[in-house]
Amino acid sequence: MIVENSFSRKLDYLNKFVYSLVINLQEAFKVIFIERKIYLANFIEHLRRIVWTCLPIAVLTVCASSIIFAIHVAPTFATRGLTSYLGGGIALALIRECVPVMGSLALVTQYCSGATAQIGSMKITEQLDAMRITKVSPVSYILVPMMLAGVIGFPIVIAISIISGVIVNFFATNFLIDITEKLYTSSISHVVELKDIFLALTKAAVFGFFVTLVSYTCGVLAHGGAKAVGNSTRLAVVINFALIIILDYIITALWL
């Protein structure tokens, strides 16, 4: 009986989550494309939180991954006489997959968890209900600025992370196998194309759109006390992690 009740509660929450997600998305599109009402100050604040606050952890994560790439790949390429392909191969892997995914996961950990906790606290303390009473839509005031900041801010962070990751990888590779800058950059210019960079930025924009939507939805579904806010935050991070992996596979499959 206890197991059945637990399963029933989870199923009921899943139904509420999907329903709320669809309704929030529909209302957000209405605000953006029909009402065209955007709270600019909120948008700038969320953009600042994404770009300025989360940039260090995203760059640190990507740079650590690029060093690991160098440690594992550079000696192997050197012993097989493939040094001329090293820079392009690593840069392609970083640009297409590693940086968009790892950077976005870092952004979810830093930004989305905090946003979900803030929205959950507003729901618990009935601030969202007070906004509705004063005829201010929470979707228009909170979600839309978050989504627009995610669509713009995620690509900015990912672009900076790509540059940082490639530079750090060069220095790490140069330390390991003493590769020249000319050979490294020449390899990148021959392998990496503009469409690869556009793919990375497209992934970042899509990730930013959906993870902010999920974070907002988890926040508004919080009910109870402080424990409920913590549960909603944890759930948002878990869903967003899985969502990024799934979306990355789908975008890559459609693109290539």
C-alpha atoms as a PDB file:
ATOM      1  CA  MET A   1       0.000   0.000   0.000  1.00  0.00           C
ATOM      2  CA  ILE A   2       2.853   2.393   0.852  1.00  0.00           C
ATOM      3  CA  VAL A   3       4.576   1.604  -2.458  1.00  0.00           C
ATOM      4  CA  GLU A   4       1.341   2.184  -4.367  1.00  0.00           C
ATOM      5  CA  ASN A   5       0.777   5.533  -2.645  1.00  0.00           C
ATOM      6  CA  SER A   6       4.355   6.602  -3.389  1.00  0.00           C
ATOM      7  CA  PHE A   7       4.010   5.635  -7.034  1.00  0.00           C
ATOM      8  CA  SER A   8       0.667   7.422  -7.243  1.00  0.00           C
ATOM      9  CA  ARG A   9       2.175  10.621  -5.820  1.00  0.00           C
ATOM     10  CA  LYS A  10       5.062  10.497  -8.271  1.00  0.00           C
ATOM     11  CA  LEU A  11       2.706   9.907 -11.176  1.00  0.00           C
ATOM     12  CA  ASP A  12       0.511  12.770 -10.046  1.00  0.00           C
ATOM     13  CA  TYR A  13       3.542  15.064  -9.796  1.00  0.00           C
ATOM     14  CA  LEU A  14       4.663  14.011 -13.264  1.00  0.00           C
ATOM     15  CA  ASN A  15       1.256  14.902 -14.692  1.00  0.00           C
ATOM     16  CA  LYS A  16       1.335  18.287 -12.949  1.00  0.00           C
ATOM     17  CA  PHE A  17       4.888  18.912 -14.165  1.00  0.00           C
ATOM     18  CA  VAL A  18       4.111  18.165 -17.815  1.00  0.00           C
ATOM     19  CA  TYR A  19       0.881  20.172 -17.707  1.00  0.00           C
ATOM     20  CA  SER A  20       2.541  23.147 -16.014  1.00  0.00           C
ATOM     21  CA  LEU A  21       5.486  22.970 -18.443  1.00  0.00           C
ATOM     22  CA  VAL A  22       3.200  23.144 -21.468  1.00  0.00           C
ATOM     23  CA  ILE A  23       1.065  25.941 -20.010  1.00  0.00           C
ATOM     24  CA  ASN A  24       4.127  27.987 -19.043  1.00  0.00           C
ATOM     25  CA  LEU A  25       5.624  27.539 -22.510  1.00  0.00           C
ATOM     26  CA  GLN A  26       2.375  28.537 -24.183  1.00  0.00           C
ATOM     27  CA  GLU A  27       2.008  31.637 -22.015  1.00  0.00           C
ATOM     28  CA  ALA A  28       5.662  32.573 -22.567  1.00  0.00           C
ATOM     29  CA  PHE A  29       5.217  32.447 -26.346  1.00  0.00           C
ATOM     30  CA  LYS A  30       2.104  34.577 -25.980  1.00  0.00           C
ATOM     31  CA  VAL A  31       4.005  37.186 -23.963  1.00  0.00           C
ATOM     32  CA  ILE A  32       6.946  37.238 -26.395  1.00  0.00           C
ATOM     33  CA  PHE A  33       5.199  37.151 -29.763  1.00  0.00           C
ATOM     34  CA  ILE A  34       1.738  38.624 -29.108  1.00  0.00           C
ATOM     35  CA  GLU A  35       1.900  40.912 -26.080  1.00  0.00           C
ATOM     36  CA  ARG A  36       5.596  41.700 -26.644  1.00  0.00           C
ATOM     37  CA  LYS A  37       5.972  42.713 -23.019  1.00  0.00           C
ATOM     38  CA  ILE A  38       9.445  42.155 -21.622  1.00  0.00           C
ATOM     39  CA  TYR A  39      10.736  43.345 -18.255  1.00  0.00           C
ATOM     40  CA  LEU A  40      14.112  44.627 -19.409  1.00  0.00           C
ATOM     41  CA  ALA A  41      15.575  45.068 -15.922  1.00  0.00           C
ATOM     42  CA  ASN A  42      14.824  41.439 -15.030  1.00  0.00           C
ATOM     43  CA  PHE A  43      16.291  40.266 -18.342  1.00  0.00           C
ATOM     44  CA  ILE A  44      19.527  42.182 -17.734  1.00  0.00           C
ATOM     45  CA  GLU A  45      19.752  40.843 -14.177  1.00  0.00           C
ATOM     46  CA  HIS A  46      19.360  37.221 -15.312  1.00  0.00           C
ATOM     47  CA  LEU A  47      21.822  37.790 -18.151  1.00  0.00           C
ATOM     48  CA  ARG A  48      24.315  39.187 -15.650  1.00  0.00           C
ATOM     49  CA  ARG A  49      23.842  36.188 -13.389  1.00  0.00           C
ATOM     50  CA  ILE A  50      24.434  33.797 -16.290  1.00  0.00           C
ATOM     51  CA  VAL A  51      27.381  35.510 -17.949  1.00  0.00           C
ATOM     52  CA  TRP A  52      29.173  37.244 -15.101  1.00  0.00           C
ATOM     53  CA  THR A  53      28.453  34.934 -12.171  1.00  0.00           C
ATOM     54  CA  CYS A  54      28.612  31.578 -13.954  1.00  0.00           C
ATOM     55  CA  LEU A  55      31.446  32.271 -16.400  1.00  0.00           C
ATOM     56  CA  PRO A  56      34.291  31.362 -13.980  1.00  0.00           C
ATOM     57  CA  ILE A  57      32.916  27.911 -13.118  1.00  0.00           C
ATOM     58  CA  ALA A  58      32.085  27.170 -16.766  1.00  0.00           C
ATOM     59  CA  VAL A  59      35.554  28.194 -17.974  1.00  0.00           C
ATOM     60  CA  LEU A  60      37.198  26.254 -15.135  1.00  0.00           C
ATOM     61  CA  THR A  61      35.231  23.118 -16.010  1.00  0.00           C
ATOM     62  CA  VAL A  62      36.046  23.376 -19.715  1.00  0.00           C
ATOM     63  CA  CYS A  63      39.729  24.137 -19.115  1.00  0.00           C
ATOM     64  CA  ALA A  64      40.046  21.132 -16.811  1.00  0.00           C
ATOM     65  CA  SER A  65      38.476  18.945 -19.509  1.00  0.00           C
ATOM     66  CA  SER A  66      40.807  20.346 -22.177  1.00  0.00           C
ATOM     67  CA  ILE A  67      43.860  19.546 -20.018  1.00  0.00           C
ATOM     68  CA  ILE A  68      42.603  15.979 -19.588  1.00  0.00           C
ATOM     69  CA  PHE A  69      42.155  15.798 -23.374  1.00  0.00           C
ATOM     70  CA  ALA A  70      45.771  16.846 -23.819  1.00  0.00           C
ATOM     71  CA  ILE A  71      47.070  14.326 -21.270  1.00  0.00           C
ATOM     72  CA  HIS A  72      45.302  11.399 -22.921  1.00  0.00           C
ATOM     73  CA  VAL A  73      45.467  12.346 -26.600  1.00  0.00           C
ATOM     74  CA  ALA A  74      48.681  14.304 -27.181  1.00  0.00           C
ATOM     75  CA  PRO A  75      51.227  11.543 -26.356  1.00  0.00           C
ATOM     76  CA  THR A  76      49.258   8.999 -28.383  1.00  0.00           C
ATOM     77  CA  PHE A  77      49.113  11.239 -31.446  1.00  0.00           C
ATOM     78  CA  ALA A  78      52.824  12.058 -31.102  1.00  0.00           C
ATOM     79  CA  THR A  79      53.950   8.415 -30.938  1.00  0.00           C
ATOM     80  CA  ARG A  80      51.924   7.609 -34.062  1.00  0.00           C
ATOM     81  CA  GLY A  81      53.173  10.544 -36.091  1.00  0.00           C
ATOM     82  CA  LEU A  82      49.819  12.342 -36.111  1.00  0.00           C
ATOM     83  CA  THR A  83      50.963  15.572 -34.479  1.00  0.00           C
ATOM     84  CA  SER A  84      49.842  17.646 -37.470  1.00  0.00           C
ATOM     85  CA  TYR A  85      46.234  16.522 -36.809  1.00  0.00           C
ATOM     86  CA  LEU A  86      46.316  17.014 -33.046  1.00  0.00           C
ATOM     87  CA  GLY A  87      45.117  20.610 -32.748  1.00  0.00           C
ATOM     88  CA  GLY A  88      42.226  20.190 -35.183  1.00  0.00           C
ATOM     89  CA  GLY A  89      41.049  16.909 -33.675  1.00  0.00           C
ATOM     90  CA  ILE A  90      40.985  18.175 -30.110  1.00  0.00           C
ATOM     91  CA  ALA A  91      39.482  21.540 -31.091  1.00  0.00           C
ATOM     92  CA  LEU A  92      36.739  19.776 -33.062  1.00  0.00           C
ATOM     93  CA  ALA A  93      35.864  17.565 -30.100  1.00  0.00           C
ATOM     94  CA  LEU A  94      35.860  20.540 -27.736  1.00  0.00           C
ATOM     95  CA  ILE A  95      33.746  22.737 -30.009  1.00  0.00           C
ATOM     96  CA  ARG A  96      31.176  20.175 -31.111  1.00  0.00           C
ATOM     97  CA  GLU A  97      30.561  18.241 -27.901  1.00  0.00           C
ATOM     98  CA  CYS A  98      32.707  18.873 -24.853  1.00  0.00           C
ATOM     99  CA  VAL A  99      32.343  22.614 -24.343  1.00  0.00           C
ATOM    100  CA  PRO A 100      28.579  22.954 -25.062  1.00  0.00           C
ATOM    101  CA  VAL A 101      27.736  20.028 -22.783  1.00  0.00           C
ATOM    102  CA  MET A 102      30.237  20.556 -19.966  1.00  0.00           C
ATOM    103  CA  GLY A 103      29.749  24.322 -19.954  1.00  0.00           C
ATOM    104  CA  SER A 104      25.960  24.001 -19.891  1.00  0.00           C
ATOM    105  CA  LEU A 105      26.102  21.478 -17.055  1.00  0.00           C
ATOM    106  CA  ALA A 106      28.189  23.969 -15.090  1.00  0.00           C
ATOM    107  CA  LEU A 107      25.625  26.688 -15.830  1.00  0.00           C
ATOM    108  CA  VAL A 108      22.808  24.426 -14.635  1.00  0.00           C
ATOM    109  CA  THR A 109      24.660  23.755 -11.393  1.00  0.00           C
ATOM    110  CA  GLN A 110      25.405  27.421 -10.737  1.00  0.00           C
ATOM    111  CA  TYR A 111      22.509  29.377 -12.223  1.00  0.00           C
ATOM    112  CA  CYS A 112      19.485  27.114 -12.638  1.00  0.00           C
ATOM    113  CA  SER A 113      19.684  25.636  -9.150  1.00  0.00           C
ATOM    114  CA  GLY A 114      19.708  29.117  -7.639  1.00  0.00           C
ATOM    115  CA  ALA A 115      16.853  30.281  -9.882  1.00  0.00           C
ATOM    116  CA  THR A 116      14.710  27.267  -8.943  1.00  0.00           C
ATOM    117  CA  ALA A 117      15.360  27.801  -5.232  1.00  0.00           C
ATOM    118  CA  GLN A 118      14.445  31.488  -5.533  1.00  0.00           C
ATOM    119  CA  ILE A 119      11.217  30.778  -7.423  1.00  0.00           C
ATOM    120  CA  GLY A 120      10.347  27.950  -5.014  1.00  0.00           C
ATOM    121  CA  SER A 121      10.793  30.308  -2.075  1.00  0.00           C
ATOM    122  CA  MET A 122       8.552  32.863  -3.786  1.00  0.00           C
ATOM    123  CA  LYS A 123       5.921  30.163  -4.263  1.00  0.00           C
ATOM    124  CA  ILE A 124       6.122  28.981  -0.648  1.00  0.00           C
ATOM    125  CA  THR A 125       5.847  32.524   0.711  1.00  0.00           C
ATOM    126  CA  GLU A 126       2.921  33.267  -1.653  1.00  0.00           C
ATOM    127  CA  GLN A 127       4.766  36.032  -3.508  1.00  0.00           C
ATOM    128  CA  LEU A 128       3.701  34.546  -6.853  1.00  0.00           C
ATOM    129  CA  ASP A 129       0.052  34.650  -5.733  1.00  0.00           C
ATOM    130  CA  ALA A 130       0.497  38.281  -4.702  1.00  0.00           C
ATOM    131  CA  MET A 131       1.854  39.054  -8.170  1.00  0.00           C
ATOM    132  CA  ARG A 132      -1.214  37.504  -9.784  1.00  0.00           C
ATOM    133  CA  ILE A 133      -3.508  39.511  -7.502  1.00  0.00           C
ATOM    134  CA  THR A 134      -1.825  42.714  -8.680  1.00  0.00           C
ATOM    135  CA  LYS A 135      -2.275  41.503 -12.279  1.00  0.00           C
ATOM    136  CA  VAL A 136       1.413  40.870 -12.861  1.00  0.00           C
ATOM    137  CA  SER A 137       2.001  37.548 -14.627  1.00  0.00           C
ATOM    138  CA  PRO A 138       4.855  35.510 -13.064  1.00  0.00           C
ATOM    139  CA  VAL A 139       5.546  34.056 -16.505  1.00  0.00           C
ATOM    140  CA  SER A 140       5.955  37.525 -17.983  1.00  0.00           C
ATOM    141  CA  TYR A 141       7.901  38.892 -15.006  1.00  0.00           C
ATOM    142  CA  ILE A 142      10.144  35.895 -14.264  1.00  0.00           C
ATOM    143  CA  LEU A 143      10.066  33.146 -16.894  1.00  0.00           C
ATOM    144  CA  VAL A 144      10.340  35.197 -20.094  1.00  0.00           C
ATOM    145  CA  PRO A 145      13.382  37.199 -18.891  1.00  0.00           C
ATOM    146  CA  MET A 146      14.963  33.911 -17.763  1.00  0.00           C
ATOM    147  CA  MET A 147      14.361  32.233 -21.116  1.00  0.00           C
ATOM    148  CA  LEU A 148      15.650  35.170 -23.158  1.00  0.00           C
ATOM    149  CA  ALA A 149      18.696  35.476 -20.904  1.00  0.00           C
ATOM    150  CA  GLY A 150      19.314  31.751 -21.307  1.00  0.00           C
ATOM    151  CA  VAL A 151      19.066  31.882 -25.100  1.00  0.00           C
ATOM    152  CA  ILE A 152      21.540  34.786 -25.237  1.00  0.00           C
ATOM    153  CA  GLY A 153      23.699  34.158 -22.173  1.00  0.00           C
ATOM    154  CA  PHE A 154      24.443  30.455 -22.680  1.00  0.00           C
ATOM    155  CA  PRO A 155      26.030  31.001 -26.155  1.00  0.00           C
ATOM    156  CA  ILE A 156      28.127  33.880 -24.776  1.00  0.00           C
ATOM    157  CA  VAL A 157      29.500  31.707 -21.980  1.00  0.00           C
ATOM    158  CA  ILE A 158      30.059  28.769 -24.339  1.00  0.00           C
ATOM    159  CA  ALA A 159      31.883  30.960 -26.891  1.00  0.00           C
ATOM    160  CA  ILE A 160      34.259  32.288 -24.229  1.00  0.00           C
ATOM    161  CA  SER A 161      34.717  28.767 -22.861  1.00  0.00           C
ATOM    162  CA  ILE A 162      35.630  27.464 -26.336  1.00  0.00           C
ATOM    163  CA  ILE A 163      38.346  30.081 -26.721  1.00  0.00           C
ATOM    164  CA  SER A 164      39.657  29.426 -23.208  1.00  0.00           C
ATOM    165  CA  GLY A 165      39.561  25.649 -23.663  1.00  0.00           C
ATOM    166  CA  VAL A 166      41.499  25.711 -26.940  1.00  0.00           C
ATOM    167  CA  ILE A 167      44.147  28.076 -25.538  1.00  0.00           C
ATOM    168  CA  VAL A 168      44.609  26.017 -22.374  1.00  0.00           C
ATOM    169  CA  ASN A 169      44.749  22.824 -24.441  1.00  0.00           C
ATOM    170  CA  PHE A 170      47.532  24.298 -26.585  1.00  0.00           C
ATOM    171  CA  PHE A 171      49.668  25.150 -23.559  1.00  0.00           C
ATOM    172  CA  ALA A 172      49.038  21.721 -22.013  1.00  0.00           C
ATOM    173  CA  THR A 173      49.859  19.989 -25.303  1.00  0.00           C
ATOM    174  CA  ASN A 174      52.947  22.128 -25.801  1.00  0.00           C
ATOM    175  CA  PHE A 175      54.128  21.179 -22.333  1.00  0.00           C
ATOM    176  CA  LEU A 176      53.648  17.466 -23.055  1.00  0.00           C
ATOM    177  CA  ILE A 177      54.981  17.075 -26.618  1.00  0.00           C
ATOM    178  CA  ASP A 178      56.476  20.485 -27.443  1.00  0.00           C
ATOM    179  CA  ILE A 179      54.160  21.264 -30.378  1.00  0.00           C
ATOM    180  CA  THR A 180      54.604  24.589 -32.139  1.00  0.00           C
ATOM    181  CA  GLU A 181      51.913  27.248 -32.197  1.00  0.00           C
ATOM    182  CA  LYS A 182      51.980  27.379 -36.006  1.00  0.00           C
ATOM    183  CA  LEU A 183      51.413  23.629 -36.365  1.00  0.00           C
ATOM    184  CA  TYR A 184      48.645  23.650 -33.765  1.00  0.00           C
ATOM    185  CA  THR A 185      46.719  26.606 -35.231  1.00  0.00           C
ATOM    186  CA  SER A 186      47.242  25.358 -38.797  1.00  0.00           C
ATOM    187  CA  SER A 187      45.662  22.049 -37.850  1.00  0.00           C
ATOM    188  CA  ILE A 188      42.658  23.843 -36.341  1.00  0.00           C
ATOM    189  CA  SER A 189      42.166  26.040 -39.420  1.00  0.00           C
ATOM    190  CA  HIS A 190      42.176  22.988 -41.706  1.00  0.00           C
ATOM    191  CA  VAL A 191      39.736  20.913 -39.636  1.00  0.00           C
ATOM    192  CA  VAL A 192      37.364  23.279 -37.826  1.00  0.00           C
ATOM    193  CA  GLU A 193      34.746  25.005 -39.963  1.00  0.00           C
ATOM    194  CA  LEU A 194      32.350  27.830 -39.228  1.00  0.00           C
ATOM    195  CA  LYS A 195      29.418  25.406 -39.102  1.00  0.00           C
ATOM    196  CA  ASP A 196      31.058  23.604 -36.163  1.00  0.00           C
ATOM    197  CA  ILE A 197      31.127  26.816 -34.124  1.00  0.00           C
ATOM    198  CA  PHE A 198      27.544  27.560 -35.167  1.00  0.00           C
ATOM    199  CA  LEU A 199      26.557  24.064 -34.004  1.00  0.00           C
ATOM    200  CA  ALA A 200      28.063  24.716 -30.569  1.00  0.00           C
ATOM    201  CA  LEU A 201      26.281  28.045 -30.202  1.00  0.00           C
ATOM    202  CA  THR A 202      22.998  26.538 -31.418  1.00  0.00           C
ATOM    203  CA  LYS A 203      23.258  23.802 -28.811  1.00  0.00           C
ATOM    204  CA  ALA A 204      23.963  26.385 -26.123  1.00  0.00           C
ATOM    205  CA  ALA A 205      20.929  28.481 -27.106  1.00  0.00           C
ATOM    206  CA  VAL A 206      18.628  25.435 -27.130  1.00  0.00           C
ATOM    207  CA  PHE A 207      19.988  24.265 -23.779  1.00  0.00           C
ATOM    208  CA  GLY A 208      19.489  27.738 -22.320  1.00  0.00           C
ATOM    209  CA  PHE A 209      15.884  27.865 -23.511  1.00  0.00           C
ATOM    210  CA  PHE A 210      14.808  24.517 -22.099  1.00  0.00           C
ATOM    211  CA  VAL A 211      16.729  24.451 -18.814  1.00  0.00           C
ATOM    212  CA  THR A 212      15.311  27.814 -17.763  1.00  0.00           C
ATOM    213  CA  LEU A 213      11.808  26.572 -18.584  1.00  0.00           C
ATOM    214  CA  VAL A 214      12.336  23.425 -16.520  1.00  0.00           C
ATOM    215  CA  SER A 215      13.872  25.383 -13.635  1.00  0.00           C
ATOM    216  CA  TYR A 216      10.923  27.775 -13.502  1.00  0.00           C
ATOM    217  CA  THR A 217       8.392  24.933 -13.671  1.00  0.00           C
ATOM    218  CA  CYS A 218      10.051  23.005 -10.846  1.00  0.00           C
ATOM    219  CA  GLY A 219      10.108  26.178  -8.771  1.00  0.00           C
ATOM    220  CA  VAL A 220       6.420  27.013  -9.166  1.00  0.00           C
ATOM    221  CA  LEU A 221       5.439  23.425  -8.320  1.00  0.00           C
ATOM    222  CA  ALA A 222       7.133  23.596  -4.918  1.00  0.00           C
ATOM    223  CA  HIS A 223       4.708  23.273  -2.025  1.00  0.00           C
ATOM    224  CA  GLY A 224       5.224  22.862   1.685  1.00  0.00           C
ATOM    225  CA  GLY A 225       8.262  24.300   3.400  1.00  0.00           C
ATOM    226  CA  ALA A 226      12.014  24.619   3.063  1.00  0.00           C
ATOM    227  CA  LYS A 227      12.341  20.896   2.346  1.00  0.00           C
ATOM    228  CA  ALA A 228      10.038  21.252  -0.654  1.00  0.00           C
ATOM    229  CA  VAL A 229      12.254  24.028  -2.057  1.00  0.00           C
ATOM    230  CA  GLY A 230      15.293  21.782  -1.701  1.00  0.00           C
ATOM    231  CA  ASN A 231      13.497  18.891  -3.392  1.00  0.00           C
ATOM    232  CA  SER A 232      12.399  21.105  -6.289  1.00  0.00           C
ATOM    233  CA  THR A 233      15.939  22.413  -6.729  1.00  0.00           C
ATOM    234  CA  ARG A 234      17.397  18.918  -6.742  1.00  0.00           C
ATOM    235  CA  LEU A 235      14.755  17.726  -9.190  1.00  0.00           C
ATOM    236  CA  ALA A 236      15.415  20.663 -11.528  1.00  0.00           C
ATOM    237  CA  VAL A 237      19.144  19.899 -11.620  1.00  0.00           C
ATOM    238  CA  VAL A 238      18.564  16.199 -12.300  1.00  0.00           C
ATOM    239  CA  ILE A 239      16.032  16.846 -15.068  1.00  0.00           C
ATOM    240  CA  ASN A 240      18.218  19.500 -16.677  1.00  0.00           C
ATOM    241  CA  PHE A 241      21.282  17.256 -16.629  1.00  0.00           C
ATOM    242  CA  ALA A 242      19.360  14.488 -18.379  1.00  0.00           C
ATOM    243  CA  LEU A 243      17.703  16.982 -20.725  1.00  0.00           C
ATOM    244  CA  ILE A 244      21.034  18.422 -21.872  1.00  0.00           C
ATOM    245  CA  ILE A 245      22.380  14.962 -22.712  1.00  0.00           C
ATOM    246  CA  ILE A 246      19.215  14.044 -24.638  1.00  0.00           C
ATOM    247  CA  LEU A 247      19.041  17.355 -26.504  1.00  0.00           C
ATOM    248  CA  ASP A 248      22.738  17.117 -27.360  1.00  0.00           C
ATOM    249  CA  TYR A 249      22.185  13.734 -28.977  1.00  0.00           C
ATOM    250  CA  ILE A 250      19.118  14.914 -30.885  1.00  0.00           C
ATOM    251  CA  ILE A 251      20.741  18.118 -32.185  1.00  0.00           C
ATOM    252  CA  THR A 252      23.917  16.307 -33.198  1.00  0.00           C
ATOM    253  CA  ALA A 253      21.955  13.573 -34.997  1.00  0.00           C
ATOM    254  CA  LEU A 254      19.831  16.116 -36.878  1.00  0.00           C
ATOM    255  CA  TRP A 255      22.799  18.366 -37.668  1.00  0.00           C
ATOM    256  CA  LEU A 256      25.163  15.706 -38.946  1.00  0.00           C
END
